[in-house]
Amino acid sequence: IMIHFAIIQIAITVLCASTATTTTAMSSSSSLICPLTGEALPENDDEVAVVYSVAAPFDEEHRRCGHEITLQPLMDFVSQQRGIPKCPSCQKGLVITICDKVASQSMIAGGESSLSCTTVVALRFGTHNYFFHVDTSEQLTQDRITDVLGMEDLKILHGGKIVYPDKSKTAEEVSQRLLEISAEETMANRKRPTLVIMGAKTGRWGAQGGHLHK
């Protein structure tokens, strides 16, 4: 009888452990689901957005929201909203800043000497701030911006002057300059972007207007 009782106890322990493992795995998997698509987040971190309810979310203790959402569906979602939408994940925080996941990690690291900071472009468009990682071995900075934002007739301003397009520089020189401005003025100083976007986006015109939240 004692042997049978011991076997039953072992079986119950194994079953409980298996159930706990399964529950943990399911919980972990559900945290990787995009609330907009209902599908798993992309494996490529450049295609995953992290949203924040502050304009310059450099200090981790001051960050609000921080939910991960598939980047392109989020961009479509934001462009279809009037005003500043709430985070699709928590439905609480406002979507003020959108980063891709690589850029978000670079912002936490920060520092002028950080190599990753030199491959992040920081932008303002309307009421939103954007931080995007640029794989400079495969793509120009301006092309990354156009692809993610879905822009037409893209113009980029800095200090009130147009820095893109710039016929006096090669496309590669412009691309590098945009990254330098972002690194020196935004990433190193841990402030909101100084590059401003103008252009047509999903059939509507965007410009420098709008209130930027701190």
N, C-alpha and C. Protein backbone atom coordinates (compact mmCIF):
# COMPACT_ATOMS: atom_id res chain seq x y z
N ILE A 1 0.83 -1.21 0.00
CA ILE A 1 0.00 0.00 0.00
C ILE A 1 0.87 1.26 0.00
N MET A 2 1.93 1.23 0.84
CA MET A 2 2.82 2.38 0.92
C MET A 2 3.49 2.64 -0.43
N ILE A 3 3.86 1.59 -1.15
CA ILE A 3 4.52 1.74 -2.46
C ILE A 3 3.57 2.38 -3.46
N HIS A 4 2.31 1.89 -3.45
CA HIS A 4 1.32 2.45 -4.37
C HIS A 4 1.07 3.92 -4.06
N PHE A 5 1.02 4.24 -2.74
CA PHE A 5 0.79 5.63 -2.33
C PHE A 5 1.93 6.53 -2.81
N ALA A 6 3.17 6.04 -2.69
CA ALA A 6 4.34 6.81 -3.13
C ALA A 6 4.30 7.04 -4.63
N ILE A 7 3.90 6.01 -5.39
CA ILE A 7 3.82 6.13 -6.85
C ILE A 7 2.78 7.17 -7.24
N ILE A 8 1.64 7.16 -6.53
CA ILE A 8 0.58 8.14 -6.81
C ILE A 8 1.08 9.56 -6.54
N GLN A 9 1.83 9.72 -5.41
CA GLN A 9 2.36 11.04 -5.08
C GLN A 9 3.32 11.55 -6.16
N ILE A 10 4.18 10.65 -6.65
CA ILE A 10 5.14 11.02 -7.71
C ILE A 10 4.39 11.43 -8.97
N ALA A 11 3.34 10.66 -9.32
CA ALA A 11 2.58 10.95 -10.52
C ALA A 11 1.91 12.31 -10.43
N ILE A 12 1.37 12.64 -9.24
CA ILE A 12 0.72 13.93 -9.04
C ILE A 12 1.73 15.07 -9.16
N THR A 13 2.94 14.85 -8.57
CA THR A 13 3.99 15.87 -8.63
C THR A 13 4.42 16.14 -10.06
N VAL A 14 4.60 15.07 -10.85
CA VAL A 14 5.00 15.21 -12.25
C VAL A 14 3.92 15.93 -13.05
N LEU A 15 2.65 15.58 -12.80
CA LEU A 15 1.54 16.20 -13.50
C LEU A 15 1.46 17.69 -13.20
N CYS A 16 1.64 18.06 -11.93
CA CYS A 16 1.59 19.47 -11.53
C CYS A 16 2.73 20.25 -12.17
N ALA A 17 3.92 19.63 -12.19
CA ALA A 17 5.07 20.30 -12.79
C ALA A 17 4.86 20.50 -14.27
N SER A 18 4.28 19.48 -14.93
CA SER A 18 4.01 19.57 -16.36
C SER A 18 2.99 20.65 -16.66
N THR A 19 1.97 20.73 -15.82
CA THR A 19 0.93 21.75 -16.00
C THR A 19 1.49 23.15 -15.82
N ALA A 20 2.36 23.30 -14.80
CA ALA A 20 2.96 24.61 -14.55
C ALA A 20 3.84 25.03 -15.71
N THR A 21 4.61 24.07 -16.26
CA THR A 21 5.48 24.37 -17.40
C THR A 21 4.67 24.79 -18.61
N THR A 22 3.58 24.06 -18.85
CA THR A 22 2.73 24.38 -19.99
C THR A 22 2.10 25.74 -19.85
N THR A 23 1.64 26.06 -18.61
CA THR A 23 1.03 27.36 -18.35
C THR A 23 2.02 28.48 -18.58
N THR A 24 3.26 28.28 -18.09
CA THR A 24 4.30 29.29 -18.25
C THR A 24 4.60 29.50 -19.72
N ALA A 25 4.70 28.40 -20.47
CA ALA A 25 5.00 28.49 -21.89
C ALA A 25 3.89 29.23 -22.63
N MET A 26 2.63 28.93 -22.27
CA MET A 26 1.51 29.60 -22.93
C MET A 26 1.51 31.08 -22.62
N SER A 27 1.83 31.40 -21.34
CA SER A 27 1.87 32.80 -20.94
C SER A 27 2.95 33.55 -21.70
N SER A 28 4.14 32.89 -21.86
CA SER A 28 5.25 33.49 -22.57
C SER A 28 4.89 33.71 -24.03
N SER A 29 4.22 32.73 -24.63
CA SER A 29 3.85 32.83 -26.03
C SER A 29 2.84 33.94 -26.26
N SER A 30 1.87 34.06 -25.33
CA SER A 30 0.83 35.07 -25.51
C SER A 30 1.40 36.48 -25.43
N SER A 31 2.53 36.66 -24.71
CA SER A 31 3.13 37.98 -24.60
C SER A 31 3.82 38.38 -25.89
N LEU A 32 4.01 37.44 -26.82
CA LEU A 32 4.66 37.72 -28.08
C LEU A 32 3.66 37.86 -29.23
N ILE A 33 2.39 37.99 -28.91
CA ILE A 33 1.36 38.12 -29.92
C ILE A 33 1.05 39.59 -30.16
N CYS A 34 1.01 39.99 -31.42
CA CYS A 34 0.68 41.37 -31.77
C CYS A 34 -0.81 41.61 -31.56
N PRO A 35 -1.21 42.64 -30.82
CA PRO A 35 -2.63 42.89 -30.57
C PRO A 35 -3.40 43.33 -31.81
N LEU A 36 -2.69 43.79 -32.84
CA LEU A 36 -3.35 44.25 -34.06
C LEU A 36 -3.57 43.14 -35.07
N THR A 37 -2.63 42.19 -35.14
CA THR A 37 -2.73 41.12 -36.14
C THR A 37 -3.20 39.80 -35.55
N GLY A 38 -3.02 39.64 -34.22
CA GLY A 38 -3.35 38.37 -33.59
C GLY A 38 -2.34 37.29 -33.91
N GLU A 39 -1.22 37.68 -34.49
CA GLU A 39 -0.17 36.74 -34.87
C GLU A 39 1.11 37.03 -34.08
N ALA A 40 2.04 36.09 -34.13
CA ALA A 40 3.30 36.25 -33.42
C ALA A 40 4.07 37.45 -33.96
N LEU A 41 4.80 38.12 -33.07
CA LEU A 41 5.64 39.22 -33.50
C LEU A 41 6.75 38.71 -34.41
N PRO A 42 7.21 39.53 -35.36
CA PRO A 42 8.30 39.13 -36.25
C PRO A 42 9.58 38.80 -35.48
N GLU A 43 10.38 37.90 -36.03
CA GLU A 43 11.66 37.57 -35.41
C GLU A 43 12.68 38.68 -35.62
N ASN A 44 12.53 39.43 -36.70
CA ASN A 44 13.43 40.54 -36.99
C ASN A 44 13.04 41.74 -36.13
N ASP A 45 13.94 42.16 -35.23
CA ASP A 45 13.63 43.26 -34.31
C ASP A 45 13.41 44.59 -35.03
N ASP A 46 13.91 44.75 -36.24
CA ASP A 46 13.65 45.96 -37.02
C ASP A 46 12.18 46.07 -37.41
N GLU A 47 11.46 44.95 -37.35
CA GLU A 47 10.06 44.92 -37.76
C GLU A 47 9.11 44.92 -36.56
N VAL A 48 9.68 45.08 -35.36
CA VAL A 48 8.87 45.13 -34.13
C VAL A 48 8.92 46.54 -33.56
N ALA A 49 7.76 47.11 -33.30
CA ALA A 49 7.69 48.46 -32.72
C ALA A 49 7.57 48.38 -31.21
N VAL A 50 8.13 49.38 -30.53
CA VAL A 50 7.93 49.57 -29.10
C VAL A 50 7.34 50.96 -28.93
N VAL A 51 6.19 51.05 -28.27
CA VAL A 51 5.50 52.34 -28.15
C VAL A 51 5.66 52.91 -26.75
N TYR A 52 5.78 54.24 -26.68
CA TYR A 52 5.94 54.93 -25.40
C TYR A 52 5.01 56.14 -25.33
N SER A 53 4.65 56.52 -24.12
CA SER A 53 3.75 57.64 -23.90
C SER A 53 4.49 58.91 -23.50
N VAL A 54 5.77 58.97 -23.85
CA VAL A 54 6.58 60.17 -23.60
C VAL A 54 7.34 60.50 -24.88
N ALA A 55 7.80 61.76 -24.99
CA ALA A 55 8.44 62.21 -26.23
C ALA A 55 9.89 61.75 -26.34
N ALA A 56 10.57 61.61 -25.21
CA ALA A 56 11.98 61.21 -25.24
C ALA A 56 12.22 60.12 -24.19
N PRO A 57 11.87 58.90 -24.51
CA PRO A 57 11.92 57.82 -23.51
C PRO A 57 13.30 57.19 -23.34
N PHE A 58 14.27 58.00 -22.91
CA PHE A 58 15.63 57.48 -22.78
C PHE A 58 15.87 56.82 -21.43
N ASP A 59 15.31 57.40 -20.36
CA ASP A 59 15.53 56.85 -19.03
C ASP A 59 14.46 55.81 -18.73
N GLU A 60 14.91 54.61 -18.42
CA GLU A 60 13.98 53.50 -18.26
C GLU A 60 12.94 53.76 -17.17
N GLU A 61 13.34 54.47 -16.11
CA GLU A 61 12.41 54.71 -15.01
C GLU A 61 11.33 55.72 -15.39
N HIS A 62 11.58 56.51 -16.46
CA HIS A 62 10.60 57.50 -16.90
C HIS A 62 9.78 57.02 -18.09
N ARG A 63 10.05 55.82 -18.54
CA ARG A 63 9.31 55.30 -19.68
C ARG A 63 7.90 54.89 -19.25
N ARG A 64 6.96 55.11 -20.14
CA ARG A 64 5.59 54.67 -19.88
C ARG A 64 5.09 53.88 -21.08
N CYS A 65 4.33 52.89 -20.82
CA CYS A 65 3.80 51.96 -21.82
C CYS A 65 4.88 50.92 -22.17
N GLY A 66 5.55 51.03 -23.30
CA GLY A 66 6.63 50.10 -23.63
C GLY A 66 6.17 48.79 -24.22
N HIS A 67 4.95 48.72 -24.77
CA HIS A 67 4.46 47.48 -25.34
C HIS A 67 5.00 47.26 -26.76
N GLU A 68 5.15 46.00 -27.11
CA GLU A 68 5.68 45.64 -28.43
C GLU A 68 4.54 45.26 -29.37
N ILE A 69 4.61 45.80 -30.59
CA ILE A 69 3.58 45.60 -31.60
C ILE A 69 4.28 45.48 -32.95
N THR A 70 3.75 44.70 -33.85
CA THR A 70 4.33 44.59 -35.19
C THR A 70 4.33 45.97 -35.84
N LEU A 71 5.49 46.37 -36.38
CA LEU A 71 5.71 47.76 -36.79
C LEU A 71 4.76 48.25 -37.88
N GLN A 72 4.67 47.56 -39.00
CA GLN A 72 3.87 48.07 -40.11
C GLN A 72 2.38 48.15 -39.80
N PRO A 73 1.78 47.12 -39.18
CA PRO A 73 0.37 47.28 -38.79
C PRO A 73 0.16 48.43 -37.83
N LEU A 74 1.14 48.70 -36.95
CA LEU A 74 1.01 49.83 -36.03
C LEU A 74 1.03 51.14 -36.80
N MET A 75 1.92 51.27 -37.79
CA MET A 75 1.98 52.49 -38.58
C MET A 75 0.66 52.71 -39.32
N ASP A 76 0.08 51.65 -39.85
CA ASP A 76 -1.22 51.76 -40.52
C ASP A 76 -2.30 52.19 -39.54
N PHE A 77 -2.26 51.61 -38.35
CA PHE A 77 -3.23 51.92 -37.30
C PHE A 77 -3.15 53.39 -36.91
N VAL A 78 -1.94 53.89 -36.68
CA VAL A 78 -1.74 55.27 -36.25
C VAL A 78 -2.20 56.25 -37.34
N SER A 79 -1.90 55.93 -38.61
CA SER A 79 -2.25 56.84 -39.70
C SER A 79 -3.75 56.94 -39.92
N GLN A 80 -4.50 55.94 -39.45
CA GLN A 80 -5.94 55.93 -39.62
C GLN A 80 -6.69 56.61 -38.48
N GLN A 81 -5.96 56.99 -37.42
CA GLN A 81 -6.60 57.58 -36.26
C GLN A 81 -6.60 59.11 -36.35
N ARG A 82 -7.57 59.72 -35.72
CA ARG A 82 -7.58 61.17 -35.57
C ARG A 82 -7.04 61.51 -34.19
N GLY A 83 -6.08 62.42 -34.16
CA GLY A 83 -5.47 62.74 -32.88
C GLY A 83 -4.44 61.69 -32.50
N ILE A 84 -4.15 61.62 -31.22
CA ILE A 84 -3.15 60.68 -30.71
C ILE A 84 -3.85 59.44 -30.17
N PRO A 85 -3.63 58.28 -30.78
CA PRO A 85 -4.33 57.07 -30.35
C PRO A 85 -3.75 56.49 -29.06
N LYS A 86 -4.51 55.62 -28.44
CA LYS A 86 -4.02 54.88 -27.29
C LYS A 86 -3.31 53.62 -27.76
N CYS A 87 -2.43 53.14 -26.91
CA CYS A 87 -1.68 51.92 -27.23
C CYS A 87 -2.65 50.78 -27.52
N PRO A 88 -2.52 50.09 -28.65
CA PRO A 88 -3.42 48.98 -28.97
C PRO A 88 -3.33 47.81 -28.01
N SER A 89 -2.22 47.76 -27.26
CA SER A 89 -2.01 46.64 -26.35
C SER A 89 -2.70 46.87 -25.01
N CYS A 90 -2.43 48.01 -24.37
CA CYS A 90 -2.97 48.25 -23.02
C CYS A 90 -4.20 49.15 -23.02
N GLN A 91 -4.41 49.89 -24.13
CA GLN A 91 -5.55 50.80 -24.24
C GLN A 91 -5.53 51.89 -23.16
N LYS A 92 -4.34 52.20 -22.66
CA LYS A 92 -4.21 53.21 -21.61
C LYS A 92 -3.25 54.32 -22.04
N GLY A 93 -2.00 53.95 -22.28
CA GLY A 93 -1.00 54.96 -22.64
C GLY A 93 -1.21 55.50 -24.04
N LEU A 94 -0.91 56.79 -24.24
CA LEU A 94 -0.98 57.40 -25.55
C LEU A 94 0.25 57.03 -26.37
N VAL A 95 0.07 56.86 -27.66
CA VAL A 95 1.20 56.54 -28.54
C VAL A 95 1.86 57.86 -28.94
N ILE A 96 2.90 58.25 -28.21
CA ILE A 96 3.62 59.49 -28.49
C ILE A 96 4.90 59.20 -29.27
N THR A 97 5.61 58.16 -28.86
CA THR A 97 6.87 57.79 -29.51
C THR A 97 6.79 56.35 -29.99
N ILE A 98 7.27 56.14 -31.21
CA ILE A 98 7.34 54.79 -31.79
C ILE A 98 8.79 54.51 -32.16
N CYS A 99 9.33 53.44 -31.62
CA CYS A 99 10.68 52.99 -31.96
C CYS A 99 10.58 51.60 -32.56
N ASP A 100 11.57 51.21 -33.36
CA ASP A 100 11.68 49.78 -33.59
C ASP A 100 12.48 49.21 -32.42
N LYS A 101 12.46 47.92 -32.28
CA LYS A 101 13.02 47.31 -31.07
C LYS A 101 14.52 47.53 -30.94
N VAL A 102 15.23 47.54 -32.07
CA VAL A 102 16.68 47.77 -32.03
C VAL A 102 16.96 49.19 -31.55
N ALA A 103 16.23 50.15 -32.08
CA ALA A 103 16.41 51.54 -31.66
C ALA A 103 16.08 51.72 -30.18
N SER A 104 15.03 51.05 -29.72
CA SER A 104 14.64 51.14 -28.31
C SER A 104 15.76 50.66 -27.40
N GLN A 105 16.39 49.57 -27.77
CA GLN A 105 17.50 49.03 -26.98
C GLN A 105 18.69 49.98 -27.01
N SER A 106 18.92 50.64 -28.13
CA SER A 106 20.01 51.62 -28.23
C SER A 106 19.75 52.82 -27.34
N MET A 107 18.49 53.21 -27.22
CA MET A 107 18.14 54.36 -26.39
C MET A 107 18.37 54.08 -24.91
N ILE A 108 18.16 52.84 -24.51
CA ILE A 108 18.43 52.47 -23.12
C ILE A 108 19.92 52.54 -22.85
N ALA A 109 20.72 52.03 -23.82
CA ALA A 109 22.17 52.05 -23.67
C ALA A 109 22.67 53.48 -23.67
N GLY A 110 22.22 54.27 -24.69
CA GLY A 110 22.58 55.68 -24.77
C GLY A 110 24.07 55.91 -24.87
N GLY A 111 24.46 57.14 -24.70
CA GLY A 111 25.87 57.47 -24.70
C GLY A 111 26.42 57.78 -26.08
N GLU A 112 27.22 58.80 -26.16
CA GLU A 112 27.77 59.24 -27.44
C GLU A 112 28.68 58.21 -28.06
N SER A 113 29.33 57.37 -27.23
CA SER A 113 30.29 56.41 -27.74
C SER A 113 29.63 55.10 -28.18
N SER A 114 28.34 54.97 -27.96
CA SER A 114 27.65 53.74 -28.31
C SER A 114 27.54 53.61 -29.82
N LEU A 115 28.09 52.52 -30.37
CA LEU A 115 28.07 52.30 -31.81
C LEU A 115 26.65 52.21 -32.33
N SER A 116 25.75 51.57 -31.55
CA SER A 116 24.38 51.39 -31.99
C SER A 116 23.66 52.72 -32.17
N CYS A 117 24.08 53.75 -31.41
CA CYS A 117 23.43 55.05 -31.51
C CYS A 117 23.70 55.72 -32.85
N THR A 118 24.76 55.33 -33.52
CA THR A 118 25.11 55.95 -34.80
C THR A 118 24.33 55.32 -35.95
N THR A 119 23.50 54.34 -35.68
CA THR A 119 22.69 53.72 -36.73
C THR A 119 21.20 53.87 -36.43
N VAL A 120 20.86 54.90 -35.65
CA VAL A 120 19.46 55.18 -35.33
C VAL A 120 19.12 56.58 -35.84
N VAL A 121 18.04 56.68 -36.61
CA VAL A 121 17.58 57.99 -37.06
C VAL A 121 16.39 58.40 -36.21
N ALA A 122 16.42 59.65 -35.74
CA ALA A 122 15.38 60.17 -34.84
C ALA A 122 14.62 61.27 -35.57
N LEU A 123 13.28 61.17 -35.55
CA LEU A 123 12.45 62.05 -36.36
C LEU A 123 11.21 62.52 -35.61
N ARG A 124 10.68 63.66 -36.06
CA ARG A 124 9.36 64.12 -35.62
C ARG A 124 8.46 64.21 -36.85
N PHE A 125 7.25 63.71 -36.70
CA PHE A 125 6.26 63.84 -37.77
C PHE A 125 4.91 64.10 -37.13
N GLY A 126 4.38 65.32 -37.31
CA GLY A 126 3.13 65.67 -36.67
C GLY A 126 3.26 65.61 -35.15
N THR A 127 2.41 64.82 -34.51
CA THR A 127 2.42 64.72 -33.05
C THR A 127 3.23 63.54 -32.54
N HIS A 128 3.94 62.86 -33.43
CA HIS A 128 4.67 61.66 -33.03
C HIS A 128 6.18 61.82 -33.21
N ASN A 129 6.91 61.07 -32.40
CA ASN A 129 8.36 60.96 -32.53
C ASN A 129 8.69 59.53 -32.95
N TYR A 130 9.70 59.41 -33.81
CA TYR A 130 10.08 58.10 -34.32
C TYR A 130 11.58 57.88 -34.17
N PHE A 131 11.94 56.66 -33.80
CA PHE A 131 13.34 56.25 -33.72
C PHE A 131 13.46 54.92 -34.46
N PHE A 132 14.20 54.93 -35.58
CA PHE A 132 14.34 53.73 -36.39
C PHE A 132 15.79 53.34 -36.56
N HIS A 133 16.06 52.06 -36.42
CA HIS A 133 17.38 51.53 -36.71
C HIS A 133 17.57 51.44 -38.22
N VAL A 134 18.77 51.77 -38.68
CA VAL A 134 19.09 51.69 -40.11
C VAL A 134 20.26 50.73 -40.30
N ASP A 135 20.04 49.68 -41.07
CA ASP A 135 21.11 48.76 -41.44
C ASP A 135 21.86 49.39 -42.61
N THR A 136 22.92 50.13 -42.30
CA THR A 136 23.61 50.93 -43.30
C THR A 136 24.32 50.10 -44.37
N SER A 137 24.47 48.81 -44.11
CA SER A 137 25.10 47.94 -45.11
C SER A 137 24.11 47.55 -46.21
N GLU A 138 22.83 47.77 -45.95
CA GLU A 138 21.80 47.34 -46.90
C GLU A 138 20.85 48.45 -47.33
N GLN A 139 20.80 49.56 -46.58
CA GLN A 139 19.74 50.54 -46.85
C GLN A 139 20.20 51.95 -46.50
N LEU A 140 19.72 52.91 -47.28
CA LEU A 140 19.94 54.31 -46.97
C LEU A 140 18.95 54.76 -45.90
N THR A 141 19.35 55.74 -45.12
CA THR A 141 18.49 56.24 -44.05
C THR A 141 17.16 56.75 -44.59
N GLN A 142 17.22 57.53 -45.66
CA GLN A 142 15.99 58.08 -46.23
C GLN A 142 15.07 57.00 -46.78
N ASP A 143 15.63 55.90 -47.24
CA ASP A 143 14.82 54.79 -47.73
C ASP A 143 14.13 54.06 -46.57
N ARG A 144 14.84 53.93 -45.46
CA ARG A 144 14.25 53.31 -44.27
C ARG A 144 13.06 54.14 -43.79
N ILE A 145 13.21 55.46 -43.79
CA ILE A 145 12.13 56.34 -43.36
C ILE A 145 10.93 56.21 -44.30
N THR A 146 11.19 56.23 -45.60
CA THR A 146 10.12 56.12 -46.59
C THR A 146 9.38 54.81 -46.45
N ASP A 147 10.14 53.72 -46.26
CA ASP A 147 9.52 52.39 -46.17
C ASP A 147 8.62 52.27 -44.95
N VAL A 148 9.12 52.72 -43.80
CA VAL A 148 8.36 52.53 -42.56
C VAL A 148 7.17 53.47 -42.48
N LEU A 149 7.38 54.73 -42.84
CA LEU A 149 6.30 55.72 -42.72
C LEU A 149 5.35 55.70 -43.91
N GLY A 150 5.74 55.03 -45.00
CA GLY A 150 4.88 55.01 -46.17
C GLY A 150 4.75 56.39 -46.79
N MET A 151 5.88 57.09 -46.90
CA MET A 151 5.86 58.49 -47.33
C MET A 151 6.01 58.63 -48.83
N GLU A 152 5.40 59.70 -49.35
CA GLU A 152 5.62 60.15 -50.72
C GLU A 152 6.04 61.61 -50.67
N ASP A 153 6.84 62.02 -51.64
CA ASP A 153 7.33 63.41 -51.66
C ASP A 153 7.97 63.78 -50.33
N LEU A 154 8.79 62.87 -49.82
CA LEU A 154 9.41 63.05 -48.51
C LEU A 154 10.36 64.25 -48.49
N LYS A 155 10.22 65.06 -47.44
CA LYS A 155 11.16 66.14 -47.16
C LYS A 155 11.54 66.04 -45.69
N ILE A 156 12.83 66.26 -45.41
CA ILE A 156 13.33 66.24 -44.03
C ILE A 156 13.97 67.59 -43.74
N LEU A 157 13.50 68.22 -42.66
CA LEU A 157 13.99 69.54 -42.27
C LEU A 157 14.82 69.46 -41.00
N HIS A 158 15.81 70.34 -40.94
CA HIS A 158 16.63 70.47 -39.73
C HIS A 158 16.91 71.94 -39.51
N GLY A 159 16.46 72.47 -38.39
CA GLY A 159 16.63 73.89 -38.12
C GLY A 159 15.92 74.76 -39.14
N GLY A 160 14.81 74.27 -39.68
CA GLY A 160 14.04 75.03 -40.65
C GLY A 160 14.55 74.93 -42.08
N LYS A 161 15.66 74.21 -42.29
CA LYS A 161 16.23 74.05 -43.62
C LYS A 161 16.04 72.62 -44.11
N ILE A 162 15.83 72.47 -45.41
CA ILE A 162 15.65 71.14 -45.98
C ILE A 162 17.00 70.44 -46.13
N VAL A 163 17.15 69.30 -45.49
CA VAL A 163 18.39 68.52 -45.61
C VAL A 163 18.19 67.29 -46.50
N TYR A 164 16.93 67.00 -46.80
CA TYR A 164 16.62 65.98 -47.79
C TYR A 164 15.30 66.35 -48.46
N PRO A 165 15.30 66.37 -49.81
CA PRO A 165 16.41 66.05 -50.72
C PRO A 165 17.46 67.18 -50.76
N ASP A 166 18.68 66.80 -51.09
CA ASP A 166 19.78 67.75 -51.19
C ASP A 166 20.62 67.36 -52.41
N LYS A 167 20.44 68.11 -53.50
CA LYS A 167 21.11 67.77 -54.75
C LYS A 167 22.61 68.03 -54.72
N SER A 168 23.08 68.76 -53.70
CA SER A 168 24.51 69.05 -53.60
C SER A 168 25.29 67.88 -52.97
N LYS A 169 24.58 66.87 -52.47
CA LYS A 169 25.22 65.72 -51.82
C LYS A 169 24.75 64.43 -52.47
N THR A 170 25.57 63.40 -52.35
CA THR A 170 25.18 62.08 -52.83
C THR A 170 24.16 61.49 -51.87
N ALA A 171 23.44 60.48 -52.33
CA ALA A 171 22.45 59.83 -51.47
C ALA A 171 23.10 59.25 -50.22
N GLU A 172 24.32 58.72 -50.39
CA GLU A 172 25.05 58.14 -49.26
C GLU A 172 25.45 59.22 -48.25
N GLU A 173 25.85 60.37 -48.74
CA GLU A 173 26.24 61.47 -47.85
C GLU A 173 25.03 61.99 -47.06
N VAL A 174 23.90 62.10 -47.73
CA VAL A 174 22.68 62.53 -47.04
C VAL A 174 22.28 61.52 -45.98
N SER A 175 22.35 60.25 -46.33
CA SER A 175 22.01 59.18 -45.38
C SER A 175 22.87 59.26 -44.13
N GLN A 176 24.17 59.45 -44.33
CA GLN A 176 25.09 59.53 -43.19
C GLN A 176 24.84 60.78 -42.37
N ARG A 177 24.51 61.89 -43.03
CA ARG A 177 24.27 63.14 -42.31
C ARG A 177 23.05 63.03 -41.41
N LEU A 178 22.00 62.38 -41.89
CA LEU A 178 20.80 62.19 -41.07
C LEU A 178 21.11 61.39 -39.81
N LEU A 179 21.95 60.38 -39.95
CA LEU A 179 22.34 59.58 -38.79
C LEU A 179 23.23 60.38 -37.84
N GLU A 180 24.09 61.22 -38.39
CA GLU A 180 24.97 62.04 -37.55
C GLU A 180 24.17 63.05 -36.74
N ILE A 181 23.21 63.70 -37.37
CA ILE A 181 22.37 64.66 -36.64
C ILE A 181 21.62 63.96 -35.52
N SER A 182 21.08 62.79 -35.82
CA SER A 182 20.33 62.03 -34.81
C SER A 182 21.23 61.62 -33.66
N ALA A 183 22.45 61.18 -33.97
CA ALA A 183 23.37 60.72 -32.93
C ALA A 183 23.85 61.88 -32.06
N GLU A 184 24.22 63.00 -32.70
CA GLU A 184 24.82 64.11 -31.97
C GLU A 184 23.81 64.95 -31.20
N GLU A 185 22.63 65.15 -31.78
CA GLU A 185 21.68 66.08 -31.17
C GLU A 185 20.58 65.38 -30.35
N THR A 186 20.29 64.14 -30.70
CA THR A 186 19.20 63.45 -30.01
C THR A 186 19.70 62.32 -29.13
N MET A 187 20.42 61.38 -29.70
CA MET A 187 20.84 60.20 -28.94
C MET A 187 21.85 60.56 -27.86
N ALA A 188 22.87 61.34 -28.19
CA ALA A 188 23.90 61.70 -27.22
C ALA A 188 23.35 62.60 -26.12
N ASN A 189 22.48 63.53 -26.49
CA ASN A 189 21.91 64.46 -25.51
C ASN A 189 20.64 63.93 -24.86
N ARG A 190 20.16 62.80 -25.37
CA ARG A 190 18.99 62.13 -24.81
C ARG A 190 17.79 63.07 -24.79
N LYS A 191 17.55 63.69 -25.95
CA LYS A 191 16.45 64.62 -26.10
C LYS A 191 15.56 64.19 -27.27
N ARG A 192 14.43 64.85 -27.42
CA ARG A 192 13.54 64.49 -28.51
C ARG A 192 14.15 64.91 -29.85
N PRO A 193 13.70 64.33 -30.96
CA PRO A 193 14.32 64.54 -32.27
C PRO A 193 14.29 66.00 -32.74
N THR A 194 15.32 66.34 -33.53
CA THR A 194 15.40 67.67 -34.13
C THR A 194 15.15 67.61 -35.64
N LEU A 195 15.13 66.42 -36.21
CA LEU A 195 14.77 66.26 -37.62
C LEU A 195 13.25 66.21 -37.75
N VAL A 196 12.71 66.97 -38.68
CA VAL A 196 11.26 67.07 -38.85
C VAL A 196 10.89 66.58 -40.25
N ILE A 197 9.85 65.76 -40.30
CA ILE A 197 9.40 65.16 -41.55
C ILE A 197 8.22 65.94 -42.14
N MET A 198 8.25 66.10 -43.46
CA MET A 198 7.09 66.61 -44.20
C MET A 198 6.88 65.71 -45.41
N GLY A 199 5.62 65.49 -45.76
CA GLY A 199 5.36 64.67 -46.94
C GLY A 199 3.97 64.09 -46.90
N ALA A 200 3.63 63.40 -47.96
CA ALA A 200 2.31 62.76 -48.06
C ALA A 200 2.37 61.38 -47.44
N LYS A 201 1.40 61.09 -46.58
CA LYS A 201 1.37 59.80 -45.91
C LYS A 201 -0.04 59.22 -45.98
N THR A 202 -0.16 58.08 -46.60
CA THR A 202 -1.45 57.39 -46.75
C THR A 202 -2.56 58.33 -47.19
N GLY A 203 -2.24 59.17 -48.17
CA GLY A 203 -3.26 60.03 -48.75
C GLY A 203 -3.51 61.33 -48.03
N ARG A 204 -2.79 61.55 -46.92
CA ARG A 204 -2.98 62.80 -46.17
C ARG A 204 -1.66 63.52 -46.05
N TRP A 205 -1.72 64.83 -45.92
CA TRP A 205 -0.49 65.61 -45.80
C TRP A 205 -0.13 65.80 -44.35
N GLY A 206 1.16 65.56 -44.07
CA GLY A 206 1.65 65.77 -42.71
C GLY A 206 2.69 66.86 -42.71
N ALA A 207 2.84 67.51 -41.57
CA ALA A 207 3.83 68.58 -41.48
C ALA A 207 4.34 68.69 -40.06
N GLN A 208 4.91 69.81 -39.74
CA GLN A 208 5.57 69.99 -38.46
C GLN A 208 4.58 70.28 -37.35
N GLY A 209 3.34 70.47 -37.66
CA GLY A 209 2.37 70.92 -36.65
C GLY A 209 2.12 69.89 -35.57
N GLY A 210 1.34 70.29 -34.59
CA GLY A 210 0.96 69.37 -33.53
C GLY A 210 1.73 69.62 -32.25
N HIS A 211 1.13 69.23 -31.16
CA HIS A 211 1.74 69.41 -29.83
C HIS A 211 2.53 68.17 -29.46
N LEU A 212 3.76 68.37 -29.05
CA LEU A 212 4.61 67.25 -28.64
C LEU A 212 4.58 67.11 -27.14
N HIS A 213 4.25 65.91 -26.68
CA HIS A 213 4.15 65.68 -25.24
C HIS A 213 5.52 65.36 -24.66
N LYS A 214 5.73 65.76 -23.42
CA LYS A 214 6.98 65.45 -22.72
C LYS A 214 6.75 64.32 -21.75
